[in-house]
Amino acid sequence: MADKILIVDDEQDILDLLQFNLKSEGYETLTAIDGEQALNQALMQKPDLIILDIMLPGKDGWEVLKELRRKEETRHIPVIFLTAKDSEIDEVVGLELGADDYIIKPISIRKFIARVKMVLRKSKQSAEEAQTISIDGIEIDLQGYQVQVGGRKIDLTKKEFQILVYLAQRPGRVITREILLNEIWGDDVVVIDRTVDVHIRKIREKFGPQHMSLIETVKGVGYRFKVE
């Protein structure tokens, strides 16, 4: 499936030029001519990349980027500023707001396409890395629900897997039994603190002697995934 790119600019000739060249590279394209349209398109279409001008009618590019980064549904979408604003401070502000690249007009189409490909490639790599937790010899595949310990695959129940992921995503932080009960079992199921202890014990047993100490007991409080 082709990557979907949203182009946001109030100059029709620029929209046409970028749309033509991106389509020639095999991308699917969407367009918007102002900030409100851009935000609506981003929410509805969930593009893989947004090319964003700064000087837009209504909400400018700065405001659009801030809103994109505030919303859970759009905060992960990479954004490239393509703008005539060529001062160093503008570029710094854009990157600090969360833009993935800052391109100053005019730019050759070949360089523009190369930058687009680079940002998309980095975004995909980050997404893939986010699906895996690697820590102290433990490999957790979040999508495949698989766990390897020291290169050895182990089988965890659904609850054991959820507990391990919750702890491993917060290494070094003490997690109380109450938090684990609420996060893993929820409020609708009545379970006791001892239930957490039993699941932790089973995870440790499956880890084996070399790795079982990675999950530490904090007496009277809860558990912690140890980091060296």
C-alpha atoms as a PDB file:
ATOM      1  CA  MET A   1       0.000   0.000   0.000  1.00  0.00           C
ATOM      2  CA  ALA A   2       1.325   3.420  -0.991  1.00  0.00           C
ATOM      3  CA  ASP A   3       2.236   5.916   1.693  1.00  0.00           C
ATOM      4  CA  LYS A   4      -0.333   8.706   2.033  1.00  0.00           C
ATOM      5  CA  ILE A   5       1.023  12.279   2.098  1.00  0.00           C
ATOM      6  CA  LEU A   6      -0.989  15.378   3.030  1.00  0.00           C
ATOM      7  CA  ILE A   7       0.286  18.592   1.362  1.00  0.00           C
ATOM      8  CA  VAL A   8      -0.771  21.848   3.030  1.00  0.00           C
ATOM      9  CA  ASP A   9      -0.167  25.118   1.162  1.00  0.00           C
ATOM     10  CA  ASP A  10      -2.350  28.080   0.152  1.00  0.00           C
ATOM     11  CA  GLU A  11      -0.648  28.452  -3.245  1.00  0.00           C
ATOM     12  CA  GLN A  12      -2.345  26.219  -5.810  1.00  0.00           C
ATOM     13  CA  ASP A  13       0.653  26.063  -8.138  1.00  0.00           C
ATOM     14  CA  ILE A  14       2.816  24.647  -5.315  1.00  0.00           C
ATOM     15  CA  LEU A  15       0.115  22.110  -4.415  1.00  0.00           C
ATOM     16  CA  ASP A  16      -0.101  21.022  -8.055  1.00  0.00           C
ATOM     17  CA  LEU A  17       3.665  20.755  -8.443  1.00  0.00           C
ATOM     18  CA  LEU A  18       4.220  18.732  -5.272  1.00  0.00           C
ATOM     19  CA  GLN A  19       1.182  16.543  -5.871  1.00  0.00           C
ATOM     20  CA  PHE A  20       2.309  15.711  -9.422  1.00  0.00           C
ATOM     21  CA  ASN A  21       5.843  14.771  -8.360  1.00  0.00           C
ATOM     22  CA  LEU A  22       4.811  12.791  -5.288  1.00  0.00           C
ATOM     23  CA  LYS A  23       2.274  10.839  -7.335  1.00  0.00           C
ATOM     24  CA  SER A  24       5.015  10.158  -9.891  1.00  0.00           C
ATOM     25  CA  GLU A  25       7.008   8.551  -7.068  1.00  0.00           C
ATOM     26  CA  GLY A  26       4.061   6.286  -6.225  1.00  0.00           C
ATOM     27  CA  TYR A  27       2.665   8.158  -3.218  1.00  0.00           C
ATOM     28  CA  GLU A  28      -1.013   8.773  -2.554  1.00  0.00           C
ATOM     29  CA  THR A  29      -1.633  12.490  -1.988  1.00  0.00           C
ATOM     30  CA  LEU A  30      -4.159  14.697  -0.194  1.00  0.00           C
ATOM     31  CA  THR A  31      -4.237  18.497  -0.155  1.00  0.00           C
ATOM     32  CA  ALA A  32      -5.394  21.307   2.111  1.00  0.00           C
ATOM     33  CA  ILE A  33      -5.213  25.071   1.618  1.00  0.00           C
ATOM     34  CA  ASP A  34      -5.522  26.260   5.222  1.00  0.00           C
ATOM     35  CA  GLY A  35      -4.927  25.161   8.800  1.00  0.00           C
ATOM     36  CA  GLU A  36      -8.471  23.980   9.559  1.00  0.00           C
ATOM     37  CA  GLN A  37      -8.586  21.823   6.442  1.00  0.00           C
ATOM     38  CA  ALA A  38      -5.199  20.384   7.339  1.00  0.00           C
ATOM     39  CA  LEU A  39      -6.314  19.371  10.834  1.00  0.00           C
ATOM     40  CA  ASN A  40      -9.561  17.859   9.548  1.00  0.00           C
ATOM     41  CA  GLN A  41      -7.737  15.880   6.852  1.00  0.00           C
ATOM     42  CA  ALA A  42      -5.141  14.677   9.348  1.00  0.00           C
ATOM     43  CA  LEU A  43      -7.819  13.438  11.756  1.00  0.00           C
ATOM     44  CA  MET A  44      -9.981  11.785   9.095  1.00  0.00           C
ATOM     45  CA  GLN A  45      -7.348  10.388   6.726  1.00  0.00           C
ATOM     46  CA  LYS A  46      -4.431   9.626   9.091  1.00  0.00           C
ATOM     47  CA  PRO A  47      -1.694  10.378   6.503  1.00  0.00           C
ATOM     48  CA  ASP A  48       1.770   8.846   6.797  1.00  0.00           C
ATOM     49  CA  LEU A  49       3.387  12.276   6.360  1.00  0.00           C
ATOM     50  CA  ILE A  50       2.324  15.935   6.314  1.00  0.00           C
ATOM     51  CA  ILE A  51       4.074  18.589   4.201  1.00  0.00           C
ATOM     52  CA  LEU A  52       3.161  21.845   5.953  1.00  0.00           C
ATOM     53  CA  ASP A  53       3.575  25.490   4.995  1.00  0.00           C
ATOM     54  CA  ILE A  54       3.847  27.992   7.854  1.00  0.00           C
ATOM     55  CA  MET A  55       2.160  31.044   6.343  1.00  0.00           C
ATOM     56  CA  LEU A  56      -1.420  29.814   5.988  1.00  0.00           C
ATOM     57  CA  PRO A  57      -4.754  31.663   6.233  1.00  0.00           C
ATOM     58  CA  GLY A  58      -6.528  31.177   9.540  1.00  0.00           C
ATOM     59  CA  LYS A  59      -4.452  28.830  11.685  1.00  0.00           C
ATOM     60  CA  ASP A  60      -0.822  29.106  10.614  1.00  0.00           C
ATOM     61  CA  GLY A  61       1.599  26.192  10.396  1.00  0.00           C
ATOM     62  CA  TRP A  62       2.886  26.716  13.929  1.00  0.00           C
ATOM     63  CA  GLU A  63      -0.636  26.368  15.354  1.00  0.00           C
ATOM     64  CA  VAL A  64      -1.411  23.372  13.162  1.00  0.00           C
ATOM     65  CA  LEU A  65       1.701  21.530  14.329  1.00  0.00           C
ATOM     66  CA  LYS A  66       0.943  22.293  17.984  1.00  0.00           C
ATOM     67  CA  GLU A  67      -2.562  20.849  17.628  1.00  0.00           C
ATOM     68  CA  LEU A  68      -1.299  17.802  15.761  1.00  0.00           C
ATOM     69  CA  ARG A  69       1.169  17.070  18.551  1.00  0.00           C
ATOM     70  CA  ARG A  70      -1.480  17.584  21.257  1.00  0.00           C
ATOM     71  CA  LYS A  71      -3.930  15.039  19.811  1.00  0.00           C
ATOM     72  CA  GLU A  72      -3.345  11.346  20.489  1.00  0.00           C
ATOM     73  CA  GLU A  73      -4.604  10.387  17.008  1.00  0.00           C
ATOM     74  CA  THR A  74      -2.124  12.625  15.149  1.00  0.00           C
ATOM     75  CA  ARG A  75       0.857  13.145  17.452  1.00  0.00           C
ATOM     76  CA  HIS A  76       2.834  10.336  15.756  1.00  0.00           C
ATOM     77  CA  ILE A  77       2.429  11.657  12.179  1.00  0.00           C
ATOM     78  CA  PRO A  78       5.751  13.036  10.864  1.00  0.00           C
ATOM     79  CA  VAL A  79       5.652  16.650   9.662  1.00  0.00           C
ATOM     80  CA  ILE A  80       7.968  18.453   7.257  1.00  0.00           C
ATOM     81  CA  PHE A  81       7.786  22.251   7.170  1.00  0.00           C
ATOM     82  CA  LEU A  82       8.150  23.510   3.583  1.00  0.00           C
ATOM     83  CA  THR A  83       8.243  27.278   3.849  1.00  0.00           C
ATOM     84  CA  ALA A  84       9.715  30.532   2.583  1.00  0.00           C
ATOM     85  CA  LYS A  85      10.521  31.554   6.182  1.00  0.00           C
ATOM     86  CA  ASP A  86      14.281  31.175   6.006  1.00  0.00           C
ATOM     87  CA  SER A  87      15.598  32.577   9.285  1.00  0.00           C
ATOM     88  CA  GLU A  88      17.535  30.303  11.604  1.00  0.00           C
ATOM     89  CA  ILE A  89      15.220  31.097  14.526  1.00  0.00           C
ATOM     90  CA  ASP A  90      12.175  29.963  12.500  1.00  0.00           C
ATOM     91  CA  GLU A  91      13.881  26.676  11.727  1.00  0.00           C
ATOM     92  CA  VAL A  92      14.831  26.161  15.381  1.00  0.00           C
ATOM     93  CA  VAL A  93      11.285  26.943  16.538  1.00  0.00           C
ATOM     94  CA  GLY A  94       9.820  24.544  13.990  1.00  0.00           C
ATOM     95  CA  LEU A  95      12.054  21.680  15.050  1.00  0.00           C
ATOM     96  CA  GLU A  96      11.500  22.382  18.749  1.00  0.00           C
ATOM     97  CA  LEU A  97       7.727  22.278  18.198  1.00  0.00           C
ATOM     98  CA  GLY A  98       8.113  18.751  16.890  1.00  0.00           C
ATOM     99  CA  ALA A  99       8.658  19.030  13.133  1.00  0.00           C
ATOM    100  CA  ASP A 100      10.685  16.172  11.665  1.00  0.00           C
ATOM    101  CA  ASP A 101      12.370  18.358   9.027  1.00  0.00           C
ATOM    102  CA  TYR A 102      12.438  21.984   7.923  1.00  0.00           C
ATOM    103  CA  ILE A 103      12.830  22.738   4.206  1.00  0.00           C
ATOM    104  CA  ILE A 104      13.237  26.261   2.878  1.00  0.00           C
ATOM    105  CA  LYS A 105      11.652  27.206  -0.461  1.00  0.00           C
ATOM    106  CA  PRO A 106      12.672  27.065  -3.209  1.00  0.00           C
ATOM    107  CA  ILE A 107      14.154  23.561  -3.286  1.00  0.00           C
ATOM    108  CA  SER A 108      14.819  21.208  -6.167  1.00  0.00           C
ATOM    109  CA  ILE A 109      12.227  18.481  -6.570  1.00  0.00           C
ATOM    110  CA  ARG A 110      14.917  15.787  -6.421  1.00  0.00           C
ATOM    111  CA  LYS A 111      16.141  17.050  -3.038  1.00  0.00           C
ATOM    112  CA  PHE A 112      12.569  17.440  -1.800  1.00  0.00           C
ATOM    113  CA  ILE A 113      11.690  13.837  -2.724  1.00  0.00           C
ATOM    114  CA  ALA A 114      14.897  12.619  -1.062  1.00  0.00           C
ATOM    115  CA  ARG A 115      13.996  14.412   2.176  1.00  0.00           C
ATOM    116  CA  VAL A 116      10.456  12.992   2.052  1.00  0.00           C
ATOM    117  CA  LYS A 117      11.816   9.457   1.657  1.00  0.00           C
ATOM    118  CA  MET A 118      14.265   9.986   4.520  1.00  0.00           C
ATOM    119  CA  VAL A 119      11.567  11.190   6.956  1.00  0.00           C
ATOM    120  CA  LEU A 120       9.212   8.364   5.999  1.00  0.00           C
ATOM    121  CA  ARG A 121      12.001   5.810   6.454  1.00  0.00           C
ATOM    122  CA  LYS A 122      12.891   7.150   9.906  1.00  0.00           C
ATOM    123  CA  SER A 123       9.231   7.193  10.922  1.00  0.00           C
ATOM    124  CA  LYS A 124       8.770   3.558   9.951  1.00  0.00           C
ATOM    125  CA  GLN A 125      11.939   2.527  11.781  1.00  0.00           C
ATOM    126  CA  SER A 126      10.713   4.299  14.932  1.00  0.00           C
ATOM    127  CA  ALA A 127       7.320   2.607  14.659  1.00  0.00           C
ATOM    128  CA  GLU A 128       8.939  -0.818  14.337  1.00  0.00           C
ATOM    129  CA  GLU A 129      11.219  -0.167  17.314  1.00  0.00           C
ATOM    130  CA  ALA A 130       8.207   0.902  19.373  1.00  0.00           C
ATOM    131  CA  GLN A 131       6.729  -2.571  18.845  1.00  0.00           C
ATOM    132  CA  THR A 132       9.652  -4.250  20.610  1.00  0.00           C
ATOM    133  CA  ILE A 133      11.076  -3.887  24.107  1.00  0.00           C
ATOM    134  CA  SER A 134      14.680  -5.017  24.527  1.00  0.00           C
ATOM    135  CA  ILE A 135      16.073  -4.837  28.040  1.00  0.00           C
ATOM    136  CA  ASP A 136      18.732  -6.842  29.875  1.00  0.00           C
ATOM    137  CA  GLY A 137      18.441  -9.972  27.758  1.00  0.00           C
ATOM    138  CA  ILE A 138      14.635  -9.825  27.541  1.00  0.00           C
ATOM    139  CA  GLU A 139      13.031  -9.348  24.113  1.00  0.00           C
ATOM    140  CA  ILE A 140       9.296  -8.579  24.097  1.00  0.00           C
ATOM    141  CA  ASP A 141       7.404  -8.508  20.798  1.00  0.00           C
ATOM    142  CA  LEU A 142       4.346  -6.393  21.567  1.00  0.00           C
ATOM    143  CA  GLN A 143       2.495  -7.277  18.379  1.00  0.00           C
ATOM    144  CA  GLY A 144       3.363 -10.964  18.270  1.00  0.00           C
ATOM    145  CA  TYR A 145       2.835 -11.470  22.029  1.00  0.00           C
ATOM    146  CA  GLN A 146       6.154 -13.304  22.179  1.00  0.00           C
ATOM    147  CA  VAL A 147       8.898 -13.159  24.785  1.00  0.00           C
ATOM    148  CA  GLN A 148      12.491 -14.351  24.547  1.00  0.00           C
ATOM    149  CA  VAL A 149      14.769 -14.585  27.563  1.00  0.00           C
ATOM    150  CA  GLY A 150      18.456 -14.955  26.788  1.00  0.00           C
ATOM    151  CA  GLY A 151      17.524 -16.071  23.267  1.00  0.00           C
ATOM    152  CA  ARG A 152      15.076 -18.690  24.579  1.00  0.00           C
ATOM    153  CA  LYS A 153      11.380 -18.347  23.803  1.00  0.00           C
ATOM    154  CA  ILE A 154       9.068 -18.614  26.804  1.00  0.00           C
ATOM    155  CA  ASP A 155       5.287 -18.987  26.902  1.00  0.00           C
ATOM    156  CA  LEU A 156       3.372 -16.550  29.091  1.00  0.00           C
ATOM    157  CA  THR A 157      -0.347 -16.366  29.735  1.00  0.00           C
ATOM    158  CA  LYS A 158      -2.136 -13.191  28.643  1.00  0.00           C
ATOM    159  CA  LYS A 159      -2.078 -11.702  32.163  1.00  0.00           C
ATOM    160  CA  GLU A 160       1.567 -12.658  32.704  1.00  0.00           C
ATOM    161  CA  PHE A 161       2.455 -10.997  29.397  1.00  0.00           C
ATOM    162  CA  GLN A 162       0.534  -7.823  30.309  1.00  0.00           C
ATOM    163  CA  ILE A 163       2.217  -7.595  33.712  1.00  0.00           C
ATOM    164  CA  LEU A 164       5.670  -8.082  32.179  1.00  0.00           C
ATOM    165  CA  VAL A 165       5.051  -5.415  29.531  1.00  0.00           C
ATOM    166  CA  TYR A 166       3.739  -2.940  32.110  1.00  0.00           C
ATOM    167  CA  LEU A 167       6.854  -3.371  34.271  1.00  0.00           C
ATOM    168  CA  ALA A 168       9.336  -3.453  31.362  1.00  0.00           C
ATOM    169  CA  GLN A 169       7.935  -0.217  29.911  1.00  0.00           C
ATOM    170  CA  ARG A 170       8.745   1.474  33.248  1.00  0.00           C
ATOM    171  CA  PRO A 171      12.205   0.130  34.166  1.00  0.00           C
ATOM    172  CA  GLY A 172      13.478   1.163  37.589  1.00  0.00           C
ATOM    173  CA  ARG A 173      10.079   2.434  38.708  1.00  0.00           C
ATOM    174  CA  VAL A 174       8.276   0.782  41.614  1.00  0.00           C
ATOM    175  CA  ILE A 175       4.779  -0.362  40.607  1.00  0.00           C
ATOM    176  CA  THR A 176       2.353  -1.120  43.429  1.00  0.00           C
ATOM    177  CA  ARG A 177       0.140  -4.207  43.467  1.00  0.00           C
ATOM    178  CA  GLU A 178      -2.886  -1.913  43.394  1.00  0.00           C
ATOM    179  CA  ILE A 179      -1.723  -0.255  40.175  1.00  0.00           C
ATOM    180  CA  LEU A 180      -1.116  -3.637  38.540  1.00  0.00           C
ATOM    181  CA  LEU A 181      -4.541  -4.870  39.622  1.00  0.00           C
ATOM    182  CA  ASN A 182      -6.252  -1.775  38.220  1.00  0.00           C
ATOM    183  CA  GLU A 183      -4.259  -1.653  34.982  1.00  0.00           C
ATOM    184  CA  ILE A 184      -4.283  -5.383  34.146  1.00  0.00           C
ATOM    185  CA  TRP A 185      -7.575  -6.609  35.594  1.00  0.00           C
ATOM    186  CA  GLY A 186      -9.558  -3.364  35.726  1.00  0.00           C
ATOM    187  CA  ASP A 187     -12.265  -2.298  38.130  1.00  0.00           C
ATOM    188  CA  ASP A 188     -14.882  -4.779  36.955  1.00  0.00           C
ATOM    189  CA  VAL A 189     -13.081  -7.899  38.185  1.00  0.00           C
ATOM    190  CA  VAL A 190     -12.638  -8.625  41.881  1.00  0.00           C
ATOM    191  CA  VAL A 191      -9.162 -10.012  42.586  1.00  0.00           C
ATOM    192  CA  ILE A 192      -6.828  -9.811  45.563  1.00  0.00           C
ATOM    193  CA  ASP A 193      -3.229  -8.642  45.928  1.00  0.00           C
ATOM    194  CA  ARG A 194      -2.130 -12.265  46.186  1.00  0.00           C
ATOM    195  CA  THR A 195      -3.191 -12.734  42.541  1.00  0.00           C
ATOM    196  CA  VAL A 196      -0.415 -10.374  41.412  1.00  0.00           C
ATOM    197  CA  ASP A 197       2.154 -12.206  43.546  1.00  0.00           C
ATOM    198  CA  VAL A 198       1.207 -15.563  41.998  1.00  0.00           C
ATOM    199  CA  HIS A 199       1.570 -14.194  38.458  1.00  0.00           C
ATOM    200  CA  ILE A 200       4.931 -12.592  39.257  1.00  0.00           C
ATOM    201  CA  ARG A 201       6.183 -15.875  40.700  1.00  0.00           C
ATOM    202  CA  LYS A 202       5.185 -17.732  37.535  1.00  0.00           C
ATOM    203  CA  ILE A 203       6.914 -15.151  35.319  1.00  0.00           C
ATOM    204  CA  ARG A 204      10.114 -15.512  37.351  1.00  0.00           C
ATOM    205  CA  GLU A 205       9.961 -19.306  37.084  1.00  0.00           C
ATOM    206  CA  LYS A 206       9.661 -19.061  33.309  1.00  0.00           C
ATOM    207  CA  PHE A 207      12.540 -16.566  33.178  1.00  0.00           C
ATOM    208  CA  GLY A 208      14.813 -19.148  34.781  1.00  0.00           C
ATOM    209  CA  PRO A 209      17.567 -18.715  37.397  1.00  0.00           C
ATOM    210  CA  GLN A 210      19.715 -16.315  35.340  1.00  0.00           C
ATOM    211  CA  HIS A 211      16.985 -13.738  34.745  1.00  0.00           C
ATOM    212  CA  MET A 212      14.387 -14.178  37.482  1.00  0.00           C
ATOM    213  CA  SER A 213      15.997 -11.452  39.615  1.00  0.00           C
ATOM    214  CA  LEU A 214      15.194  -8.835  36.952  1.00  0.00           C
ATOM    215  CA  ILE A 215      11.785  -8.432  38.574  1.00  0.00           C
ATOM    216  CA  GLU A 216      12.488  -7.199  42.093  1.00  0.00           C
ATOM    217  CA  THR A 217      10.105  -7.289  45.021  1.00  0.00           C
ATOM    218  CA  VAL A 218       9.900  -4.013  46.913  1.00  0.00           C
ATOM    219  CA  LYS A 219       8.722  -5.221  50.291  1.00  0.00           C
ATOM    220  CA  GLY A 220       5.350  -3.888  51.348  1.00  0.00           C
ATOM    221  CA  VAL A 221       4.928  -1.904  48.127  1.00  0.00           C
ATOM    222  CA  GLY A 222       5.071  -3.864  44.875  1.00  0.00           C
ATOM    223  CA  TYR A 223       7.486  -4.730  42.093  1.00  0.00           C
ATOM    224  CA  ARG A 224      10.159  -3.155  39.935  1.00  0.00           C
ATOM    225  CA  PHE A 225      11.859  -4.187  36.698  1.00  0.00           C
ATOM    226  CA  LYS A 226      15.514  -3.855  37.641  1.00  0.00           C
ATOM    227  CA  VAL A 227      17.908  -1.942  35.406  1.00  0.00           C
ATOM    228  CA  GLU A 228      21.663  -2.217  35.790  1.00  0.00           C
END
